N, C-alpha and C. Protein backbone atom coordinates (compact mmCIF):
# COMPACT_ATOMS: atom_id res chain seq x y z
N MET A 1 26.75 -15.87 5.61
CA MET A 1 26.53 -15.22 4.29
C MET A 1 25.08 -15.30 4.04
N ILE A 2 24.62 -14.22 3.42
CA ILE A 2 23.35 -14.09 2.82
C ILE A 2 22.95 -13.95 1.37
N LYS A 3 22.02 -14.49 0.77
CA LYS A 3 22.01 -14.41 -0.73
C LYS A 3 21.19 -13.02 -0.93
N ILE A 4 22.06 -12.48 -2.03
CA ILE A 4 21.08 -11.00 -2.22
C ILE A 4 19.65 -11.03 -2.37
N ASP A 5 19.22 -12.11 -2.86
CA ASP A 5 18.00 -12.21 -3.16
C ASP A 5 17.03 -12.24 -1.94
N LYS A 6 17.63 -12.72 -0.73
CA LYS A 6 16.79 -12.70 0.45
C LYS A 6 16.79 -11.35 0.95
N VAL A 7 17.67 -10.48 0.69
CA VAL A 7 17.54 -9.10 0.84
C VAL A 7 16.80 -8.39 0.17
N ILE A 8 16.87 -8.71 -1.12
CA ILE A 8 15.93 -7.95 -1.97
C ILE A 8 14.35 -8.08 -1.71
N GLU A 9 14.08 -9.51 -1.52
CA GLU A 9 12.96 -9.86 -1.00
C GLU A 9 12.31 -9.00 0.43
N ALA A 10 13.39 -8.82 1.13
CA ALA A 10 13.21 -8.20 2.54
C ALA A 10 12.64 -6.75 2.27
N LEU A 11 13.68 -5.99 1.26
CA LEU A 11 13.53 -4.58 1.04
C LEU A 11 12.38 -4.20 0.08
N GLU A 12 11.58 -5.39 -0.70
CA GLU A 12 10.55 -5.25 -1.56
C GLU A 12 9.32 -5.48 -0.63
N PHE A 13 9.51 -6.29 0.67
CA PHE A 13 8.26 -6.26 1.62
C PHE A 13 8.12 -5.02 2.37
N SER A 14 9.60 -4.72 2.39
CA SER A 14 9.28 -3.24 3.32
C SER A 14 8.81 -2.23 2.36
N LEU A 15 9.14 -1.91 0.89
CA LEU A 15 8.61 -1.42 0.11
C LEU A 15 6.92 -1.43 0.20
N MET A 16 6.53 -2.56 0.34
CA MET A 16 5.08 -2.45 0.28
C MET A 16 4.27 -2.40 1.53
N SER A 17 5.16 -2.75 2.75
CA SER A 17 4.61 -1.97 4.06
C SER A 17 4.81 -0.62 4.51
N ASN A 18 5.39 0.19 3.36
CA ASN A 18 5.17 1.27 3.62
C ASN A 18 4.00 1.88 3.89
N MET A 19 2.93 1.47 3.18
CA MET A 19 1.63 1.69 3.39
C MET A 19 0.96 1.52 4.91
N ASP A 20 1.35 0.21 5.26
CA ASP A 20 1.20 -0.26 6.52
C ASP A 20 2.36 -0.55 7.25
N PRO A 21 3.01 0.02 8.08
CA PRO A 21 4.27 -0.14 8.78
C PRO A 21 4.05 -1.22 9.94
N MET A 22 3.57 -1.92 9.98
CA MET A 22 3.01 -2.74 11.25
C MET A 22 4.19 -3.89 11.29
N ILE A 23 4.12 -4.56 10.11
CA ILE A 23 5.21 -5.49 10.20
C ILE A 23 6.51 -5.13 9.48
N THR A 24 7.71 -5.29 10.10
CA THR A 24 8.69 -4.87 9.37
C THR A 24 10.13 -5.61 9.64
N PRO A 25 10.60 -6.20 8.52
CA PRO A 25 11.68 -6.94 8.17
C PRO A 25 13.06 -6.68 8.87
N TYR A 26 13.73 -7.18 9.63
CA TYR A 26 14.89 -6.95 10.46
C TYR A 26 15.84 -8.37 9.97
N PHE A 27 16.96 -8.03 9.88
CA PHE A 27 18.24 -8.96 9.78
C PHE A 27 18.78 -9.34 11.06
N ASP A 28 18.83 -10.39 11.30
CA ASP A 28 19.10 -11.16 12.78
C ASP A 28 20.77 -11.42 12.24
N ARG A 29 21.56 -10.81 13.00
CA ARG A 29 23.04 -11.32 12.97
C ARG A 29 23.13 -12.29 13.30
N LYS A 30 22.57 -12.79 14.14
CA LYS A 30 22.91 -14.05 14.98
C LYS A 30 22.52 -15.15 14.16
N LYS A 31 21.21 -15.23 13.50
CA LYS A 31 20.83 -16.34 12.80
C LYS A 31 21.07 -16.10 11.33
N GLN A 32 21.68 -14.87 10.78
CA GLN A 32 22.11 -14.74 9.62
C GLN A 32 20.87 -14.89 8.57
N GLU A 33 19.48 -14.48 9.12
CA GLU A 33 18.36 -14.18 8.33
C GLU A 33 17.46 -13.03 8.40
N PHE A 34 16.67 -12.91 7.83
CA PHE A 34 15.41 -11.97 8.26
C PHE A 34 14.46 -12.48 8.71
N VAL A 35 14.01 -11.60 9.74
CA VAL A 35 12.85 -12.03 10.63
C VAL A 35 11.76 -11.02 10.54
N TYR A 36 10.51 -11.03 10.75
CA TYR A 36 9.72 -9.97 10.60
C TYR A 36 8.88 -9.80 11.90
N PHE A 37 8.85 -8.60 12.28
CA PHE A 37 8.11 -8.25 13.64
C PHE A 37 7.27 -7.19 13.35
N ASP A 38 6.10 -7.31 14.28
CA ASP A 38 5.23 -6.34 14.19
C ASP A 38 6.12 -5.04 15.23
N GLU A 39 5.52 -3.86 15.37
CA GLU A 39 6.45 -3.18 16.24
C GLU A 39 6.26 -3.38 17.42
N HIS A 40 4.97 -3.93 18.16
CA HIS A 40 5.09 -4.48 19.46
C HIS A 40 5.91 -5.59 19.96
N GLU A 41 5.83 -6.55 18.90
CA GLU A 41 6.77 -7.73 19.28
C GLU A 41 8.49 -7.19 19.23
N PHE A 42 8.60 -6.52 18.39
CA PHE A 42 10.02 -6.13 18.16
C PHE A 42 10.32 -5.12 19.57
N ASP A 43 9.34 -4.18 19.83
CA ASP A 43 9.89 -3.59 21.35
C ASP A 43 10.12 -4.53 22.52
N ALA A 44 9.16 -5.74 22.58
CA ALA A 44 9.24 -6.66 23.63
C ALA A 44 10.52 -7.31 23.47
N ILE A 45 10.90 -7.90 22.17
CA ILE A 45 11.98 -8.80 22.28
C ILE A 45 13.38 -8.14 22.25
N ILE A 46 13.59 -6.86 21.62
CA ILE A 46 14.85 -6.52 21.63
C ILE A 46 15.60 -6.31 22.92
N ASP A 47 16.82 -6.95 22.67
CA ASP A 47 17.53 -6.91 24.06
C ASP A 47 18.97 -6.40 23.85
N ASP A 48 19.34 -6.74 22.40
CA ASP A 48 20.67 -6.24 22.03
C ASP A 48 20.52 -5.48 20.89
N ASP A 49 20.79 -4.36 20.70
CA ASP A 49 20.71 -3.33 20.14
C ASP A 49 21.57 -3.66 18.53
N ASN A 50 22.60 -4.41 18.76
CA ASN A 50 23.19 -5.03 17.49
C ASN A 50 22.77 -6.34 16.89
N GLN A 51 22.02 -7.03 17.45
CA GLN A 51 21.27 -8.05 17.14
C GLN A 51 20.55 -7.88 15.62
N TYR A 52 19.63 -6.99 15.66
CA TYR A 52 18.56 -6.84 14.64
C TYR A 52 18.87 -5.39 13.88
N ILE A 53 19.04 -5.78 12.65
CA ILE A 53 19.28 -4.25 11.76
C ILE A 53 17.97 -4.18 10.67
N GLY A 54 17.49 -2.96 10.79
CA GLY A 54 16.35 -2.87 9.84
C GLY A 54 17.04 -1.83 8.52
N PHE A 55 15.99 -1.61 7.90
CA PHE A 55 16.24 -0.88 6.80
C PHE A 55 15.93 0.74 7.34
N TYR A 56 17.07 1.36 7.52
CA TYR A 56 16.86 2.52 8.13
C TYR A 56 16.75 3.67 7.00
N GLU A 57 17.08 3.35 5.62
CA GLU A 57 16.40 4.35 4.61
C GLU A 57 15.41 3.43 3.99
N GLU A 58 14.17 4.24 4.14
CA GLU A 58 12.95 3.64 3.72
C GLU A 58 13.21 4.18 2.04
N ILE A 59 12.58 2.99 1.35
CA ILE A 59 12.81 3.26 -0.19
C ILE A 59 11.17 3.42 -0.42
N TYR A 60 10.73 4.38 -1.06
CA TYR A 60 9.46 4.29 -1.37
C TYR A 60 9.30 4.18 -2.93
N SER A 61 7.99 3.82 -3.38
CA SER A 61 7.76 3.62 -4.78
C SER A 61 7.80 4.81 -5.43
N ASN A 62 7.22 5.92 -4.68
CA ASN A 62 7.66 7.21 -5.63
C ASN A 62 9.03 7.32 -5.83
N THR A 63 10.23 7.23 -4.98
CA THR A 63 11.52 7.54 -5.36
C THR A 63 12.24 6.65 -6.57
N ILE A 64 11.58 5.35 -6.83
CA ILE A 64 11.70 4.68 -7.78
C ILE A 64 11.22 5.02 -9.11
N ILE A 65 9.89 5.39 -8.91
CA ILE A 65 9.34 5.68 -10.15
C ILE A 65 9.93 7.26 -10.73
N GLU A 66 10.08 8.17 -9.69
CA GLU A 66 10.83 9.46 -10.13
C GLU A 66 12.36 9.26 -10.56
N SER A 67 12.72 8.35 -9.91
CA SER A 67 14.27 8.10 -10.58
C SER A 67 14.19 7.72 -11.98
N PHE A 68 13.30 6.87 -12.35
CA PHE A 68 12.98 6.22 -13.51
C PHE A 68 12.63 7.22 -14.71
N ILE A 69 11.97 8.15 -14.21
CA ILE A 69 11.29 9.23 -15.10
C ILE A 69 12.62 10.15 -15.30
N LEU A 70 13.22 10.28 -14.72
CA LEU A 70 14.60 11.08 -14.91
C LEU A 70 15.41 10.34 -15.87
N THR A 71 15.39 9.16 -15.93
CA THR A 71 16.16 8.37 -17.07
C THR A 71 15.55 8.90 -18.49
N ILE A 72 14.61 9.18 -18.65
CA ILE A 72 13.75 9.41 -19.82
C ILE A 72 14.45 10.83 -20.72
N ASN A 73 14.79 10.34 -21.95
CA ASN A 73 15.59 11.72 -22.73
C ASN A 73 14.76 12.66 -23.06
N ASP A 74 13.61 12.36 -23.51
CA ASP A 74 12.53 13.39 -24.36
C ASP A 74 12.03 13.95 -23.19
N THR A 75 12.46 15.20 -23.11
CA THR A 75 11.85 16.41 -22.21
C THR A 75 10.40 16.72 -21.84
N ARG A 76 9.76 16.78 -23.09
CA ARG A 76 8.25 16.84 -23.41
C ARG A 76 7.52 15.49 -22.58
N ILE A 77 8.25 14.11 -23.04
CA ILE A 77 7.43 12.98 -22.12
C ILE A 77 8.01 13.14 -20.84
N LYS A 78 8.92 13.48 -20.27
CA LYS A 78 9.44 13.38 -18.86
C LYS A 78 8.77 14.16 -18.10
N GLU A 79 8.24 15.36 -18.57
CA GLU A 79 7.44 16.48 -17.80
C GLU A 79 6.10 15.94 -17.86
N ARG A 80 5.42 15.38 -18.82
CA ARG A 80 4.23 14.94 -18.98
C ARG A 80 4.12 13.68 -17.88
N MET A 81 5.13 12.94 -17.78
CA MET A 81 5.01 11.90 -16.45
C MET A 81 4.92 12.35 -15.02
N PHE A 82 5.79 13.29 -15.18
CA PHE A 82 5.65 14.11 -13.64
C PHE A 82 4.50 14.73 -13.65
N ASP A 83 3.75 15.34 -14.52
CA ASP A 83 2.37 15.84 -14.26
C ASP A 83 1.50 14.38 -14.04
N ILE A 84 1.67 13.43 -14.64
CA ILE A 84 0.71 12.53 -14.57
C ILE A 84 0.76 11.85 -13.12
N PHE A 85 2.33 11.82 -12.54
CA PHE A 85 2.31 11.14 -11.46
C PHE A 85 2.37 12.15 -9.97
N ARG A 86 1.11 12.48 -10.00
CA ARG A 86 0.82 13.47 -8.83
C ARG A 86 -0.83 13.08 -8.60
N GLY A 87 -1.19 13.37 -6.87
CA GLY A 87 -2.40 13.16 -6.59
C GLY A 87 -3.08 11.80 -6.54
N LYS A 88 -3.91 11.38 -5.98
CA LYS A 88 -4.49 10.31 -5.93
C LYS A 88 -4.52 9.58 -7.21
N GLY A 89 -4.30 8.18 -7.11
CA GLY A 89 -4.31 7.60 -8.64
C GLY A 89 -3.14 7.65 -9.07
N LYS A 90 -2.16 8.23 -8.74
CA LYS A 90 -0.99 8.10 -9.69
C LYS A 90 -0.18 7.06 -9.80
N TYR A 91 -0.12 6.00 -8.91
CA TYR A 91 0.65 4.70 -9.16
C TYR A 91 0.00 4.24 -10.54
N SER A 92 -1.36 4.30 -10.50
CA SER A 92 -2.22 3.42 -11.74
C SER A 92 -2.05 4.28 -12.87
N ARG A 93 -2.00 5.77 -12.75
CA ARG A 93 -1.92 6.57 -14.16
C ARG A 93 -0.56 6.32 -14.51
N ILE A 94 0.52 6.52 -13.72
CA ILE A 94 1.90 6.46 -14.40
C ILE A 94 2.10 5.28 -15.08
N LYS A 95 1.73 4.00 -14.26
CA LYS A 95 1.96 2.45 -14.77
C LYS A 95 1.09 2.51 -16.29
N ASN A 96 -0.09 3.00 -16.53
CA ASN A 96 -0.55 2.97 -17.65
C ASN A 96 -0.02 3.89 -18.68
N TYR A 97 0.54 5.10 -18.57
CA TYR A 97 1.24 5.70 -19.14
C TYR A 97 2.66 4.87 -19.81
N PHE A 98 2.99 4.21 -18.85
CA PHE A 98 4.10 3.47 -19.30
C PHE A 98 4.11 2.47 -20.25
N TYR A 99 2.91 2.16 -19.87
CA TYR A 99 2.16 0.94 -20.88
C TYR A 99 1.91 1.18 -22.27
N THR A 100 1.62 2.45 -22.20
CA THR A 100 1.05 3.21 -23.27
C THR A 100 2.21 3.41 -24.33
N LEU A 101 3.25 4.12 -23.65
CA LEU A 101 4.59 4.39 -24.08
C LEU A 101 5.59 2.88 -24.74
N GLY A 102 4.85 1.96 -24.00
CA GLY A 102 5.83 0.64 -24.40
C GLY A 102 6.89 0.35 -23.33
N LEU A 103 7.04 1.43 -22.31
CA LEU A 103 8.05 1.48 -21.51
C LEU A 103 7.75 0.53 -19.97
N GLU A 104 6.84 -0.43 -19.94
CA GLU A 104 6.72 -1.23 -18.86
C GLU A 104 7.73 -2.13 -18.48
N ARG A 105 8.05 -2.69 -19.39
CA ARG A 105 9.29 -3.62 -19.19
C ARG A 105 10.79 -2.91 -18.88
N GLU A 106 11.06 -1.69 -19.48
CA GLU A 106 11.95 -0.98 -19.22
C GLU A 106 11.96 -0.38 -17.54
N TYR A 107 10.61 -0.24 -17.22
CA TYR A 107 10.28 0.47 -15.85
C TYR A 107 10.54 -0.87 -14.94
N TYR A 108 10.15 -1.97 -14.72
CA TYR A 108 10.51 -3.11 -14.15
C TYR A 108 11.55 -3.38 -13.94
N LYS A 109 12.50 -3.61 -15.39
CA LYS A 109 13.96 -3.71 -15.23
C LYS A 109 14.72 -2.82 -14.45
N PHE A 110 14.38 -1.35 -14.31
CA PHE A 110 14.93 -0.30 -13.52
C PHE A 110 14.97 -0.59 -12.28
N ARG A 111 13.46 -1.07 -12.01
CA ARG A 111 13.00 -1.02 -10.44
C ARG A 111 13.80 -2.15 -9.97
N ASP A 112 13.68 -3.40 -10.67
CA ASP A 112 14.44 -4.48 -10.03
C ASP A 112 16.09 -4.08 -9.84
N GLU A 113 16.74 -3.57 -10.58
CA GLU A 113 18.04 -3.20 -10.48
C GLU A 113 18.40 -2.25 -9.41
N PHE A 114 17.25 -0.91 -9.46
CA PHE A 114 17.13 -0.25 -8.29
C PHE A 114 17.52 -0.91 -6.96
N ILE A 115 16.60 -1.81 -6.97
CA ILE A 115 16.28 -2.37 -5.56
C ILE A 115 17.47 -3.27 -5.18
N LYS A 116 18.07 -3.80 -6.14
CA LYS A 116 19.26 -4.78 -5.97
C LYS A 116 20.57 -3.88 -5.64
N GLU A 117 20.64 -2.87 -6.26
CA GLU A 117 21.70 -2.05 -6.02
C GLU A 117 21.57 -1.45 -4.35
N LYS A 118 20.33 -0.97 -3.96
CA LYS A 118 20.14 -0.84 -2.44
C LYS A 118 20.50 -1.89 -1.59
N ALA A 119 19.95 -2.80 -1.98
CA ALA A 119 20.20 -4.15 -1.28
C ALA A 119 21.61 -4.41 -0.92
N ILE A 120 22.41 -3.96 -2.24
CA ILE A 120 23.93 -4.42 -1.92
C ILE A 120 24.78 -3.11 -1.27
N GLU A 121 24.14 -2.09 -1.32
CA GLU A 121 24.33 -0.84 -0.83
C GLU A 121 24.32 -1.38 0.93
N TRP A 122 23.08 -1.55 1.47
CA TRP A 122 22.58 -1.80 2.47
C TRP A 122 23.76 -2.90 3.27
N CYS A 123 24.02 -3.96 2.75
CA CYS A 123 24.88 -5.29 2.97
C CYS A 123 26.18 -4.55 3.50
N LYS A 124 26.64 -4.09 2.41
CA LYS A 124 27.89 -3.11 2.52
C LYS A 124 28.17 -2.41 3.59
N GLU A 125 27.09 -1.45 3.91
CA GLU A 125 27.06 -0.45 4.96
C GLU A 125 27.14 -1.00 6.52
N ASN A 126 26.45 -2.45 6.41
CA ASN A 126 26.19 -3.10 7.61
C ASN A 126 26.81 -4.28 7.83
N ASN A 127 28.28 -4.29 6.83
CA ASN A 127 29.17 -5.51 7.19
C ASN A 127 28.57 -6.73 6.98
N ILE A 128 27.48 -6.90 5.91
CA ILE A 128 26.98 -8.17 5.79
C ILE A 128 27.30 -8.65 4.79
N SER A 129 27.99 -10.11 5.10
CA SER A 129 28.60 -10.88 3.53
C SER A 129 27.35 -11.60 2.98
N TYR A 130 27.34 -10.96 1.44
CA TYR A 130 26.51 -11.35 0.83
C TYR A 130 26.78 -12.12 -0.45
N GLU A 131 25.94 -12.95 -1.06
CA GLU A 131 26.62 -13.55 -2.34
C GLU A 131 25.18 -13.25 -3.27
N LEU A 132 25.82 -13.20 -4.66
CA LEU A 132 24.77 -12.69 -5.71
C LEU A 132 23.84 -13.75 -6.01
């Protein structure tokens, strides 16, 4: 059994490593823990296809932010957020806008819950026992 916090930690690492996918977390079914391999190590080590499970559905910051924007009721603000969240520098611009509107705490709460839900889904889909 694994603590859901460990799955969340691995998911967050995976989220950050989307920009540089050289090191990736995998769940080791035998050890019941996450291990981190670079793509070359993993190719050399893998001998049992069922021992290691990765996160096959990549979660991107874009997905989380766009999902949060969709929760905003004010259509005008929602459209403004989608306009801001485009092109180079979009992450800092949108986070600054969240701050300007006083939504930064709501966003981070939403983000944490989103990742937790994905972690629980991943455990269920892969028949991994977890505790909250």
